[in-house]
């Protein structure tokens, strides 16, 4: 169960590294515009905001990786950062796109439950 939980936490960290890359470096490129459903004009207007959001996603990934790197001693850190991901995912799902509930919040909810069962 520990291994499965750590794999899921690692997957969430990788997701947030991907979000960082998409939001900071691909926001205005065709890939980023297709993924986020924005026009060239909307992407240009929201570039700074997207870069800021990408940076925050990077911090979430860093926290999850930090918790994983500490092994059993990182349990409280993993709990904190997975909870942050869950809250951000719920908020994003309610305010930006329902898809965020499935892509971000659901894996975080499963990971949180698994962490609490350890």
C-alpha atoms as a PDB file:
ATOM      1  CA  UNK A   1       0.000   0.000   0.000  1.00  0.00           C
ATOM      2  CA  UNK A   2       2.904   2.352   0.757  1.00  0.00           C
ATOM      3  CA  UNK A   3       4.358   1.825  -2.707  1.00  0.00           C
ATOM      4  CA  UNK A   4       1.033   2.401  -4.463  1.00  0.00           C
ATOM      5  CA  UNK A   5       0.444   5.564  -2.440  1.00  0.00           C
ATOM      6  CA  UNK A   6       3.917   6.909  -3.222  1.00  0.00           C
ATOM      7  CA  UNK A   7       3.447   6.120  -6.915  1.00  0.00           C
ATOM      8  CA  UNK A   8       0.203   8.123  -6.903  1.00  0.00           C
ATOM      9  CA  UNK A   9       1.838  11.033  -5.050  1.00  0.00           C
ATOM     10  CA  UNK A  10       4.691  10.887  -7.593  1.00  0.00           C
ATOM     11  CA  UNK A  11       2.171  10.901 -10.442  1.00  0.00           C
ATOM     12  CA  UNK A  12       0.534  14.020  -8.985  1.00  0.00           C
ATOM     13  CA  UNK A  13       3.953  15.685  -8.708  1.00  0.00           C
ATOM     14  CA  UNK A  14       4.664  14.862 -12.364  1.00  0.00           C
ATOM     15  CA  UNK A  15       1.261  16.269 -13.330  1.00  0.00           C
ATOM     16  CA  UNK A  16       2.116  19.547 -11.618  1.00  0.00           C
ATOM     17  CA  UNK A  17       5.506  19.728 -13.321  1.00  0.00           C
ATOM     18  CA  UNK A  18       3.637  19.281 -16.611  1.00  0.00           C
ATOM     19  CA  UNK A  19       1.181  22.035 -15.604  1.00  0.00           C
ATOM     20  CA  UNK A  20       4.147  24.306 -14.820  1.00  0.00           C
ATOM     21  CA  UNK A  21       5.671  23.638 -18.251  1.00  0.00           C
ATOM     22  CA  UNK A  22       2.374  24.144 -20.065  1.00  0.00           C
ATOM     23  CA  UNK A  23       1.457  27.339 -18.227  1.00  0.00           C
ATOM     24  CA  UNK A  24       4.891  28.942 -18.168  1.00  0.00           C
ATOM     25  CA  UNK A  25       6.320  27.912 -21.537  1.00  0.00           C
ATOM     26  CA  UNK A  26       3.517  26.680 -23.809  1.00  0.00           C
ATOM     27  CA  UNK A  27       0.622  28.942 -22.840  1.00  0.00           C
ATOM     28  CA  UNK A  28       0.715  30.931 -26.094  1.00  0.00           C
ATOM     29  CA  UNK A  29       1.871  28.044 -28.298  1.00  0.00           C
ATOM     30  CA  UNK A  30      -0.597  25.882 -30.254  1.00  0.00           C
ATOM     31  CA  UNK A  31      -0.278  22.998 -27.761  1.00  0.00           C
ATOM     32  CA  UNK A  32      -1.074  25.209 -24.781  1.00  0.00           C
ATOM     33  CA  UNK A  33      -3.910  26.989 -26.549  1.00  0.00           C
ATOM     34  CA  UNK A  34      -5.419  23.646 -27.583  1.00  0.00           C
ATOM     35  CA  UNK A  35      -5.156  22.149 -24.087  1.00  0.00           C
ATOM     36  CA  UNK A  36      -6.567  25.241 -22.375  1.00  0.00           C
ATOM     37  CA  UNK A  37      -9.020  26.129 -25.137  1.00  0.00           C
ATOM     38  CA  UNK A  38      -7.837  29.703 -25.627  1.00  0.00           C
ATOM     39  CA  UNK A  39      -7.497  31.909 -28.653  1.00  0.00           C
ATOM     40  CA  UNK A  40      -4.241  33.644 -29.559  1.00  0.00           C
ATOM     41  CA  UNK A  41      -5.622  36.887 -28.165  1.00  0.00           C
ATOM     42  CA  UNK A  42      -6.866  35.353 -24.910  1.00  0.00           C
ATOM     43  CA  UNK A  43      -3.574  33.516 -24.419  1.00  0.00           C
ATOM     44  CA  UNK A  44      -1.600  36.726 -24.939  1.00  0.00           C
ATOM     45  CA  UNK A  45      -3.816  38.608 -22.494  1.00  0.00           C
ATOM     46  CA  UNK A  46      -3.519  35.904 -19.821  1.00  0.00           C
ATOM     47  CA  UNK A  47       0.172  35.067 -20.242  1.00  0.00           C
ATOM     48  CA  UNK A  48       1.394  36.676 -17.015  1.00  0.00           C
ATOM     49  CA  UNK A  49      -1.409  35.136 -14.976  1.00  0.00           C
ATOM     50  CA  UNK A  50      -0.721  31.708 -16.500  1.00  0.00           C
ATOM     51  CA  UNK A  51       2.986  31.987 -15.724  1.00  0.00           C
ATOM     52  CA  UNK A  52       2.162  32.843 -12.121  1.00  0.00           C
ATOM     53  CA  UNK A  53      -0.196  29.882 -11.902  1.00  0.00           C
ATOM     54  CA  UNK A  54       2.494  27.641 -13.411  1.00  0.00           C
ATOM     55  CA  UNK A  55       4.950  28.739 -10.767  1.00  0.00           C
ATOM     56  CA  UNK A  56       2.488  27.812  -8.017  1.00  0.00           C
ATOM     57  CA  UNK A  57       2.026  24.395  -9.620  1.00  0.00           C
ATOM     58  CA  UNK A  58       5.795  24.006  -9.519  1.00  0.00           C
ATOM     59  CA  UNK A  59       5.792  24.710  -5.794  1.00  0.00           C
ATOM     60  CA  UNK A  60       3.142  22.030  -5.293  1.00  0.00           C
ATOM     61  CA  UNK A  61       5.272  19.547  -7.247  1.00  0.00           C
ATOM     62  CA  UNK A  62       8.363  20.501  -5.234  1.00  0.00           C
ATOM     63  CA  UNK A  63       6.515  19.932  -1.964  1.00  0.00           C
ATOM     64  CA  UNK A  64       5.283  16.522  -3.070  1.00  0.00           C
ATOM     65  CA  UNK A  65       8.773  15.513  -4.213  1.00  0.00           C
ATOM     66  CA  UNK A  66      10.203  16.761  -0.923  1.00  0.00           C
ATOM     67  CA  UNK A  67       7.720  14.641   1.018  1.00  0.00           C
ATOM     68  CA  UNK A  68       8.512  11.588  -1.095  1.00  0.00           C
ATOM     69  CA  UNK A  69      12.257  12.100  -0.674  1.00  0.00           C
ATOM     70  CA  UNK A  70      11.941  11.876   3.117  1.00  0.00           C
ATOM     71  CA  UNK A  71      10.342   8.431   3.091  1.00  0.00           C
ATOM     72  CA  UNK A  72       8.209   7.709   6.145  1.00  0.00           C
ATOM     73  CA  UNK A  73       9.375  10.964   7.755  1.00  0.00           C
ATOM     74  CA  UNK A  74       7.711  12.889   4.916  1.00  0.00           C
ATOM     75  CA  UNK A  75       4.159  11.775   5.721  1.00  0.00           C
ATOM     76  CA  UNK A  76       3.007  15.131   7.122  1.00  0.00           C
ATOM     77  CA  UNK A  77       4.557  16.983   4.182  1.00  0.00           C
ATOM     78  CA  UNK A  78       2.820  14.693   1.671  1.00  0.00           C
ATOM     79  CA  UNK A  79      -0.472  15.126   3.537  1.00  0.00           C
ATOM     80  CA  UNK A  80      -0.135  18.900   3.469  1.00  0.00           C
ATOM     81  CA  UNK A  81       0.756  19.200  -0.214  1.00  0.00           C
ATOM     82  CA  UNK A  82      -1.769  16.603  -1.402  1.00  0.00           C
ATOM     83  CA  UNK A  83      -4.406  18.527   0.575  1.00  0.00           C
ATOM     84  CA  UNK A  84      -3.310  21.749  -1.136  1.00  0.00           C
ATOM     85  CA  UNK A  85      -3.615  20.052  -4.537  1.00  0.00           C
ATOM     86  CA  UNK A  86      -7.076  18.770  -3.618  1.00  0.00           C
ATOM     87  CA  UNK A  87      -8.293  22.192  -2.492  1.00  0.00           C
ATOM     88  CA  UNK A  88      -6.832  23.872  -5.588  1.00  0.00           C
ATOM     89  CA  UNK A  89      -8.421  21.206  -7.779  1.00  0.00           C
ATOM     90  CA  UNK A  90     -11.836  21.638  -6.216  1.00  0.00           C
ATOM     91  CA  UNK A  91     -11.617  25.414  -6.511  1.00  0.00           C
ATOM     92  CA  UNK A  92     -10.446  25.216 -10.120  1.00  0.00           C
ATOM     93  CA  UNK A  93     -13.151  22.703 -10.940  1.00  0.00           C
ATOM     94  CA  UNK A  94     -15.844  24.958  -9.534  1.00  0.00           C
ATOM     95  CA  UNK A  95     -14.538  28.228 -10.975  1.00  0.00           C
ATOM     96  CA  UNK A  96     -12.592  27.471 -14.161  1.00  0.00           C
ATOM     97  CA  UNK A  97     -13.309  24.071 -15.699  1.00  0.00           C
ATOM     98  CA  UNK A  98     -15.091  20.957 -14.471  1.00  0.00           C
ATOM     99  CA  UNK A  99     -12.316  18.921 -16.091  1.00  0.00           C
ATOM    100  CA  UNK A 100      -9.987  20.041 -13.273  1.00  0.00           C
ATOM    101  CA  UNK A 101     -12.087  18.034 -10.823  1.00  0.00           C
ATOM    102  CA  UNK A 102     -11.143  14.830 -12.658  1.00  0.00           C
ATOM    103  CA  UNK A 103      -7.589  15.674 -13.702  1.00  0.00           C
ATOM    104  CA  UNK A 104      -6.375  17.272 -10.452  1.00  0.00           C
ATOM    105  CA  UNK A 105      -8.825  16.865  -7.579  1.00  0.00           C
ATOM    106  CA  UNK A 106      -9.749  13.192  -8.027  1.00  0.00           C
ATOM    107  CA  UNK A 107      -6.163  11.839  -7.981  1.00  0.00           C
ATOM    108  CA  UNK A 108      -5.434  14.075  -4.975  1.00  0.00           C
ATOM    109  CA  UNK A 109      -8.539  12.814  -3.154  1.00  0.00           C
ATOM    110  CA  UNK A 110      -7.528   9.201  -3.766  1.00  0.00           C
ATOM    111  CA  UNK A 111      -3.965   9.923  -2.632  1.00  0.00           C
ATOM    112  CA  UNK A 112      -5.213  11.707   0.493  1.00  0.00           C
ATOM    113  CA  UNK A 113      -7.430   8.762   1.405  1.00  0.00           C
ATOM    114  CA  UNK A 114      -4.568   6.329   0.856  1.00  0.00           C
ATOM    115  CA  UNK A 115      -2.180   8.480   2.912  1.00  0.00           C
ATOM    116  CA  UNK A 116      -4.694   8.581   5.766  1.00  0.00           C
ATOM    117  CA  UNK A 117      -5.079   4.799   5.657  1.00  0.00           C
ATOM    118  CA  UNK A 118      -1.335   4.192   6.074  1.00  0.00           C
END
